[in-house]
């Protein structure tokens, strides 16, 4: 079986996310829910970071949902200074499994919670749901790309939070994709699996940013 290491097209994915963010916010305002993004407080940003963390945890649940991966195979992390939250699976999983994992957070804490937020008229829940939908644009693009791949593929993460590995007997070197590009390829063996032993990685900058927001929120309560 061959391996294909892909790198994310982060700039392109961010541009697409911004484009769809404008559309989503415009449609949201047309239906009278524009106030969900007005008068935001530091606590809203804290909730947003926690919500994006939950997004990654749900990717992990999606990885394990079909029993092809286990908790020991899941690695999560936050690099707020790079705008990256990630969840990696160090065990190879099927095409069906990765497609499920990609869209699991979008539906659960994006679309479903958005509908609930509208029903109960909760602006914070609407705000968090929209943020999650926008943040899932990359997942949607990856979903489109992986759907187009052969049925025999397996998905695998190594140690690169901005990349992914696909295992397949088919030749994927000549295919073009929306969300990632081919970096390296060759014959796969299990010794290539990632060596990262930390299941949770949160950078010092990420901790500092969260503490800063908490301090801002405390001062806002004192005003």
C-alpha atoms as a PDB file:
ATOM      1  CA  UNK A   1       0.000   0.000   0.000  1.00  0.00           C
ATOM      2  CA  UNK A   2       1.261   3.499  -0.842  1.00  0.00           C
ATOM      3  CA  UNK A   3       1.236   6.543   1.401  1.00  0.00           C
ATOM      4  CA  UNK A   4       0.455  10.074   0.244  1.00  0.00           C
ATOM      5  CA  UNK A   5       1.370  12.935   2.565  1.00  0.00           C
ATOM      6  CA  UNK A   6      -0.708  16.042   1.900  1.00  0.00           C
ATOM      7  CA  UNK A   7      -0.264  19.590   3.174  1.00  0.00           C
ATOM      8  CA  UNK A   8      -3.241  21.854   3.829  1.00  0.00           C
ATOM      9  CA  UNK A   9      -3.783  24.890   1.624  1.00  0.00           C
ATOM     10  CA  UNK A  10      -4.258  27.069   4.701  1.00  0.00           C
ATOM     11  CA  UNK A  11      -4.332  30.437   2.914  1.00  0.00           C
ATOM     12  CA  UNK A  12      -6.901  29.233   0.384  1.00  0.00           C
ATOM     13  CA  UNK A  13      -9.018  27.612   3.111  1.00  0.00           C
ATOM     14  CA  UNK A  14      -8.957  30.816   5.178  1.00  0.00           C
ATOM     15  CA  UNK A  15      -9.959  32.927   2.171  1.00  0.00           C
ATOM     16  CA  UNK A  16     -12.885  30.583   1.459  1.00  0.00           C
ATOM     17  CA  UNK A  17     -13.866  30.688   5.150  1.00  0.00           C
ATOM     18  CA  UNK A  18     -13.880  34.517   5.110  1.00  0.00           C
ATOM     19  CA  UNK A  19     -15.972  34.531   1.920  1.00  0.00           C
ATOM     20  CA  UNK A  20     -18.559  32.184   3.418  1.00  0.00           C
ATOM     21  CA  UNK A  21     -18.453  34.075   6.723  1.00  0.00           C
ATOM     22  CA  UNK A  22     -19.593  37.225   4.903  1.00  0.00           C
ATOM     23  CA  UNK A  23     -22.405  35.312   3.206  1.00  0.00           C
ATOM     24  CA  UNK A  24     -23.511  33.557   6.413  1.00  0.00           C
ATOM     25  CA  UNK A  25     -23.478  36.784   8.434  1.00  0.00           C
ATOM     26  CA  UNK A  26     -25.411  38.620   5.718  1.00  0.00           C
ATOM     27  CA  UNK A  27     -28.085  35.918   5.536  1.00  0.00           C
ATOM     28  CA  UNK A  28     -28.208  35.855   9.332  1.00  0.00           C
ATOM     29  CA  UNK A  29     -28.820  39.622   9.449  1.00  0.00           C
ATOM     30  CA  UNK A  30     -31.583  39.356   6.815  1.00  0.00           C
ATOM     31  CA  UNK A  31     -33.503  37.086   9.169  1.00  0.00           C
ATOM     32  CA  UNK A  32     -33.039  39.509  12.059  1.00  0.00           C
ATOM     33  CA  UNK A  33     -30.308  37.721  13.985  1.00  0.00           C
ATOM     34  CA  UNK A  34     -27.493  40.207  13.331  1.00  0.00           C
ATOM     35  CA  UNK A  35     -27.534  41.240  16.991  1.00  0.00           C
ATOM     36  CA  UNK A  36     -25.873  37.927  17.856  1.00  0.00           C
ATOM     37  CA  UNK A  37     -22.576  39.553  16.824  1.00  0.00           C
ATOM     38  CA  UNK A  38     -23.193  42.963  18.398  1.00  0.00           C
ATOM     39  CA  UNK A  39     -21.931  44.065  21.817  1.00  0.00           C
ATOM     40  CA  UNK A  40     -19.637  41.060  22.189  1.00  0.00           C
ATOM     41  CA  UNK A  41     -17.794  40.866  25.512  1.00  0.00           C
ATOM     42  CA  UNK A  42     -14.488  39.158  26.394  1.00  0.00           C
ATOM     43  CA  UNK A  43     -16.507  36.287  27.892  1.00  0.00           C
ATOM     44  CA  UNK A  44     -17.968  35.645  24.420  1.00  0.00           C
ATOM     45  CA  UNK A  45     -14.438  35.181  23.069  1.00  0.00           C
ATOM     46  CA  UNK A  46     -13.667  32.794  25.926  1.00  0.00           C
ATOM     47  CA  UNK A  47     -16.768  30.781  25.057  1.00  0.00           C
ATOM     48  CA  UNK A  48     -15.710  30.864  21.395  1.00  0.00           C
ATOM     49  CA  UNK A  49     -12.298  29.361  22.192  1.00  0.00           C
ATOM     50  CA  UNK A  50     -13.907  26.688  24.379  1.00  0.00           C
ATOM     51  CA  UNK A  51     -16.442  26.015  21.599  1.00  0.00           C
ATOM     52  CA  UNK A  52     -13.669  25.510  19.052  1.00  0.00           C
ATOM     53  CA  UNK A  53     -11.957  23.199  21.533  1.00  0.00           C
ATOM     54  CA  UNK A  54     -15.221  21.251  21.752  1.00  0.00           C
ATOM     55  CA  UNK A  55     -15.239  21.156  17.948  1.00  0.00           C
ATOM     56  CA  UNK A  56     -11.914  19.297  17.989  1.00  0.00           C
ATOM     57  CA  UNK A  57     -13.033  16.947  20.766  1.00  0.00           C
ATOM     58  CA  UNK A  58     -16.035  16.015  18.624  1.00  0.00           C
ATOM     59  CA  UNK A  59     -13.688  15.231  15.743  1.00  0.00           C
ATOM     60  CA  UNK A  60     -12.060  12.798  18.176  1.00  0.00           C
ATOM     61  CA  UNK A  61     -15.439  11.251  18.975  1.00  0.00           C
ATOM     62  CA  UNK A  62     -16.040  10.941  15.233  1.00  0.00           C
ATOM     63  CA  UNK A  63     -12.690   9.180  14.787  1.00  0.00           C
ATOM     64  CA  UNK A  64     -13.705   6.616  17.429  1.00  0.00           C
ATOM     65  CA  UNK A  65     -17.377   6.325  16.443  1.00  0.00           C
ATOM     66  CA  UNK A  66     -16.992   3.236  14.248  1.00  0.00           C
ATOM     67  CA  UNK A  67     -14.516   1.475  16.518  1.00  0.00           C
ATOM     68  CA  UNK A  68     -11.593   1.851  14.108  1.00  0.00           C
ATOM     69  CA  UNK A  69      -9.688   4.184  16.461  1.00  0.00           C
ATOM     70  CA  UNK A  70      -9.444   4.383  20.236  1.00  0.00           C
ATOM     71  CA  UNK A  71      -8.753   7.082  22.808  1.00  0.00           C
ATOM     72  CA  UNK A  72      -5.028   6.295  22.804  1.00  0.00           C
ATOM     73  CA  UNK A  73      -4.950   7.177  19.083  1.00  0.00           C
ATOM     74  CA  UNK A  74      -6.380  10.680  19.532  1.00  0.00           C
ATOM     75  CA  UNK A  75      -4.156  13.780  19.865  1.00  0.00           C
ATOM     76  CA  UNK A  76      -5.561  17.293  20.314  1.00  0.00           C
ATOM     77  CA  UNK A  77      -3.953  20.700  20.589  1.00  0.00           C
ATOM     78  CA  UNK A  78      -4.225  24.477  20.323  1.00  0.00           C
ATOM     79  CA  UNK A  79      -1.870  26.970  18.698  1.00  0.00           C
ATOM     80  CA  UNK A  80      -3.917  30.170  19.017  1.00  0.00           C
ATOM     81  CA  UNK A  81      -0.932  32.229  17.813  1.00  0.00           C
ATOM     82  CA  UNK A  82      -1.174  30.331  14.503  1.00  0.00           C
ATOM     83  CA  UNK A  83      -4.964  30.199  14.484  1.00  0.00           C
ATOM     84  CA  UNK A  84      -4.864  26.410  14.732  1.00  0.00           C
ATOM     85  CA  UNK A  85      -6.952  24.012  16.793  1.00  0.00           C
ATOM     86  CA  UNK A  86      -6.443  20.392  15.822  1.00  0.00           C
ATOM     87  CA  UNK A  87      -7.430  16.811  16.478  1.00  0.00           C
ATOM     88  CA  UNK A  88      -5.269  14.060  14.983  1.00  0.00           C
ATOM     89  CA  UNK A  89      -5.889  10.327  14.698  1.00  0.00           C
ATOM     90  CA  UNK A  90      -2.716   8.202  14.777  1.00  0.00           C
ATOM     91  CA  UNK A  91      -4.492   4.994  13.745  1.00  0.00           C
ATOM     92  CA  UNK A  92      -5.555   4.407  10.149  1.00  0.00           C
ATOM     93  CA  UNK A  93      -9.296   4.635   9.610  1.00  0.00           C
ATOM     94  CA  UNK A  94     -11.549   3.966   6.628  1.00  0.00           C
ATOM     95  CA  UNK A  95     -12.962   6.466   4.154  1.00  0.00           C
ATOM     96  CA  UNK A  96     -16.402   6.120   5.739  1.00  0.00           C
ATOM     97  CA  UNK A  97     -14.957   6.851   9.172  1.00  0.00           C
ATOM     98  CA  UNK A  98     -13.006   9.978   8.194  1.00  0.00           C
ATOM     99  CA  UNK A  99     -15.998  11.415   6.333  1.00  0.00           C
ATOM    100  CA  UNK A 100     -18.100  10.947   9.473  1.00  0.00           C
ATOM    101  CA  UNK A 101     -15.422  12.522  11.673  1.00  0.00           C
ATOM    102  CA  UNK A 102     -15.045  15.552   9.408  1.00  0.00           C
ATOM    103  CA  UNK A 103     -18.719  16.573   9.515  1.00  0.00           C
ATOM    104  CA  UNK A 104     -19.598  15.448  13.063  1.00  0.00           C
ATOM    105  CA  UNK A 105     -18.857  18.813  14.794  1.00  0.00           C
ATOM    106  CA  UNK A 106     -20.467  20.815  11.977  1.00  0.00           C
ATOM    107  CA  UNK A 107     -23.828  19.140  12.443  1.00  0.00           C
ATOM    108  CA  UNK A 108     -23.756  18.716  16.221  1.00  0.00           C
ATOM    109  CA  UNK A 109     -22.547  22.126  17.453  1.00  0.00           C
ATOM    110  CA  UNK A 110     -23.080  24.080  14.241  1.00  0.00           C
ATOM    111  CA  UNK A 111     -26.318  23.388  12.448  1.00  0.00           C
ATOM    112  CA  UNK A 112     -28.273  21.718  15.275  1.00  0.00           C
ATOM    113  CA  UNK A 113     -27.235  24.244  17.939  1.00  0.00           C
ATOM    114  CA  UNK A 114     -27.968  27.126  15.538  1.00  0.00           C
ATOM    115  CA  UNK A 115     -31.537  25.874  15.133  1.00  0.00           C
ATOM    116  CA  UNK A 116     -31.847  25.474  18.910  1.00  0.00           C
ATOM    117  CA  UNK A 117     -30.463  29.003  19.411  1.00  0.00           C
ATOM    118  CA  UNK A 118     -33.125  30.440  17.112  1.00  0.00           C
ATOM    119  CA  UNK A 119     -35.903  28.451  18.803  1.00  0.00           C
ATOM    120  CA  UNK A 120     -34.943  29.593  22.315  1.00  0.00           C
ATOM    121  CA  UNK A 121     -33.809  33.049  21.090  1.00  0.00           C
ATOM    122  CA  UNK A 122     -30.299  32.706  22.547  1.00  0.00           C
ATOM    123  CA  UNK A 123     -27.878  35.095  20.821  1.00  0.00           C
ATOM    124  CA  UNK A 124     -24.784  33.539  22.414  1.00  0.00           C
ATOM    125  CA  UNK A 125     -25.684  30.080  21.115  1.00  0.00           C
ATOM    126  CA  UNK A 126     -26.404  31.532  17.668  1.00  0.00           C
ATOM    127  CA  UNK A 127     -23.033  33.323  17.733  1.00  0.00           C
ATOM    128  CA  UNK A 128     -21.121  30.195  18.769  1.00  0.00           C
ATOM    129  CA  UNK A 129     -22.904  28.056  16.195  1.00  0.00           C
ATOM    130  CA  UNK A 130     -22.076  30.477  13.376  1.00  0.00           C
ATOM    131  CA  UNK A 131     -18.441  30.617  14.494  1.00  0.00           C
ATOM    132  CA  UNK A 132     -18.368  26.816  14.408  1.00  0.00           C
ATOM    133  CA  UNK A 133     -19.947  26.656  10.941  1.00  0.00           C
ATOM    134  CA  UNK A 134     -17.388  29.142   9.613  1.00  0.00           C
ATOM    135  CA  UNK A 135     -14.586  27.221  11.327  1.00  0.00           C
ATOM    136  CA  UNK A 136     -15.806  24.013   9.677  1.00  0.00           C
ATOM    137  CA  UNK A 137     -15.327  25.329   6.120  1.00  0.00           C
ATOM    138  CA  UNK A 138     -11.958  23.570   5.998  1.00  0.00           C
ATOM    139  CA  UNK A 139     -13.617  20.329   7.097  1.00  0.00           C
ATOM    140  CA  UNK A 140     -16.195  20.714   4.331  1.00  0.00           C
ATOM    141  CA  UNK A 141     -13.496  21.261   1.707  1.00  0.00           C
ATOM    142  CA  UNK A 142     -11.608  18.192   2.959  1.00  0.00           C
ATOM    143  CA  UNK A 143     -14.855  16.206   2.886  1.00  0.00           C
ATOM    144  CA  UNK A 144     -15.352  17.137  -0.788  1.00  0.00           C
ATOM    145  CA  UNK A 145     -11.784  16.113  -1.608  1.00  0.00           C
ATOM    146  CA  UNK A 146     -11.883  12.785   0.243  1.00  0.00           C
ATOM    147  CA  UNK A 147     -15.292  11.856  -1.215  1.00  0.00           C
ATOM    148  CA  UNK A 148     -13.614  11.988  -4.638  1.00  0.00           C
ATOM    149  CA  UNK A 149     -10.910   9.519  -3.593  1.00  0.00           C
ATOM    150  CA  UNK A 150     -11.114   5.740  -4.214  1.00  0.00           C
ATOM    151  CA  UNK A 151     -13.049   3.514  -1.804  1.00  0.00           C
ATOM    152  CA  UNK A 152      -9.949   1.646  -0.664  1.00  0.00           C
ATOM    153  CA  UNK A 153      -8.276   4.598   1.073  1.00  0.00           C
ATOM    154  CA  UNK A 154      -7.325   4.847   4.734  1.00  0.00           C
ATOM    155  CA  UNK A 155      -6.804   8.105   6.584  1.00  0.00           C
ATOM    156  CA  UNK A 156      -3.949   8.634   9.035  1.00  0.00           C
ATOM    157  CA  UNK A 157      -2.353  11.580  10.877  1.00  0.00           C
ATOM    158  CA  UNK A 158       1.356  11.698  11.566  1.00  0.00           C
ATOM    159  CA  UNK A 159       2.852  14.572  13.627  1.00  0.00           C
ATOM    160  CA  UNK A 160       1.887  17.476  11.360  1.00  0.00           C
ATOM    161  CA  UNK A 161      -1.253  19.345  12.458  1.00  0.00           C
ATOM    162  CA  UNK A 162      -1.349  21.103   9.062  1.00  0.00           C
ATOM    163  CA  UNK A 163      -1.213  17.913   7.018  1.00  0.00           C
ATOM    164  CA  UNK A 164      -2.710  14.452   6.603  1.00  0.00           C
ATOM    165  CA  UNK A 165      -1.747  11.082   5.177  1.00  0.00           C
ATOM    166  CA  UNK A 166      -3.825   8.924   2.860  1.00  0.00           C
ATOM    167  CA  UNK A 167      -3.035   5.236   2.327  1.00  0.00           C
ATOM    168  CA  UNK A 168      -4.192   3.666  -0.912  1.00  0.00           C
ATOM    169  CA  UNK A 169      -3.365   1.040  -3.541  1.00  0.00           C
ATOM    170  CA  UNK A 170      -4.475   3.540  -6.172  1.00  0.00           C
ATOM    171  CA  UNK A 171      -2.255   6.195  -7.713  1.00  0.00           C
ATOM    172  CA  UNK A 172      -3.193   9.598  -6.240  1.00  0.00           C
ATOM    173  CA  UNK A 173      -0.187  11.553  -7.503  1.00  0.00           C
ATOM    174  CA  UNK A 174      -1.933  13.112 -10.515  1.00  0.00           C
ATOM    175  CA  UNK A 175      -5.135  14.211  -8.800  1.00  0.00           C
ATOM    176  CA  UNK A 176      -5.832  17.860  -7.893  1.00  0.00           C
ATOM    177  CA  UNK A 177      -7.592  18.801  -4.662  1.00  0.00           C
ATOM    178  CA  UNK A 178      -9.259  21.894  -3.239  1.00  0.00           C
ATOM    179  CA  UNK A 179      -7.989  21.846   0.328  1.00  0.00           C
ATOM    180  CA  UNK A 180      -4.575  20.192   0.177  1.00  0.00           C
ATOM    181  CA  UNK A 181      -1.678  19.377  -2.126  1.00  0.00           C
ATOM    182  CA  UNK A 182       0.619  16.368  -2.365  1.00  0.00           C
ATOM    183  CA  UNK A 183       3.878  16.730  -0.442  1.00  0.00           C
ATOM    184  CA  UNK A 184       5.517  13.298  -0.501  1.00  0.00           C
ATOM    185  CA  UNK A 185       4.545   9.737  -1.385  1.00  0.00           C
ATOM    186  CA  UNK A 186       5.969   6.218  -1.379  1.00  0.00           C
ATOM    187  CA  UNK A 187       5.554   2.738   0.081  1.00  0.00           C
ATOM    188  CA  UNK A 188       3.909   2.691   3.505  1.00  0.00           C
ATOM    189  CA  UNK A 189       5.038   0.788   6.584  1.00  0.00           C
ATOM    190  CA  UNK A 190       3.853   1.052  10.200  1.00  0.00           C
ATOM    191  CA  UNK A 191       7.194   2.488  11.388  1.00  0.00           C
ATOM    192  CA  UNK A 192       6.221   5.768   9.694  1.00  0.00           C
ATOM    193  CA  UNK A 193       3.542   6.538  12.285  1.00  0.00           C
ATOM    194  CA  UNK A 194       4.008   9.741  14.256  1.00  0.00           C
ATOM    195  CA  UNK A 195       6.169   9.851  17.365  1.00  0.00           C
ATOM    196  CA  UNK A 196       4.328  12.604  19.225  1.00  0.00           C
ATOM    197  CA  UNK A 197       3.637  11.214  22.734  1.00  0.00           C
ATOM    198  CA  UNK A 198       1.649  14.173  24.119  1.00  0.00           C
ATOM    199  CA  UNK A 199      -2.064  13.593  23.712  1.00  0.00           C
ATOM    200  CA  UNK A 200      -2.893  17.202  24.640  1.00  0.00           C
ATOM    201  CA  UNK A 201      -0.750  20.115  23.466  1.00  0.00           C
ATOM    202  CA  UNK A 202      -1.609  23.715  24.372  1.00  0.00           C
ATOM    203  CA  UNK A 203       1.049  26.329  23.755  1.00  0.00           C
ATOM    204  CA  UNK A 204       2.081  28.915  26.351  1.00  0.00           C
ATOM    205  CA  UNK A 205       0.789  31.652  24.059  1.00  0.00           C
ATOM    206  CA  UNK A 206      -2.622  29.979  23.978  1.00  0.00           C
ATOM    207  CA  UNK A 207      -2.724  29.813  27.780  1.00  0.00           C
ATOM    208  CA  UNK A 208      -1.623  33.464  28.007  1.00  0.00           C
ATOM    209  CA  UNK A 209      -4.320  34.576  25.546  1.00  0.00           C
ATOM    210  CA  UNK A 210      -7.068  32.807  27.497  1.00  0.00           C
ATOM    211  CA  UNK A 211      -5.828  34.283  30.791  1.00  0.00           C
ATOM    212  CA  UNK A 212      -5.773  37.731  29.159  1.00  0.00           C
ATOM    213  CA  UNK A 213      -9.419  37.356  28.084  1.00  0.00           C
ATOM    214  CA  UNK A 214     -10.408  36.214  31.572  1.00  0.00           C
ATOM    215  CA  UNK A 215      -8.721  39.288  33.079  1.00  0.00           C
ATOM    216  CA  UNK A 216     -10.524  41.530  30.591  1.00  0.00           C
ATOM    217  CA  UNK A 217     -13.827  39.919  31.525  1.00  0.00           C
ATOM    218  CA  UNK A 218     -13.170  40.412  35.248  1.00  0.00           C
ATOM    219  CA  UNK A 219     -12.405  44.112  34.676  1.00  0.00           C
ATOM    220  CA  UNK A 220     -15.568  44.467  32.582  1.00  0.00           C
ATOM    221  CA  UNK A 221     -17.585  43.198  35.572  1.00  0.00           C
ATOM    222  CA  UNK A 222     -15.990  45.842  37.791  1.00  0.00           C
ATOM    223  CA  UNK A 223     -17.019  48.735  35.526  1.00  0.00           C
END
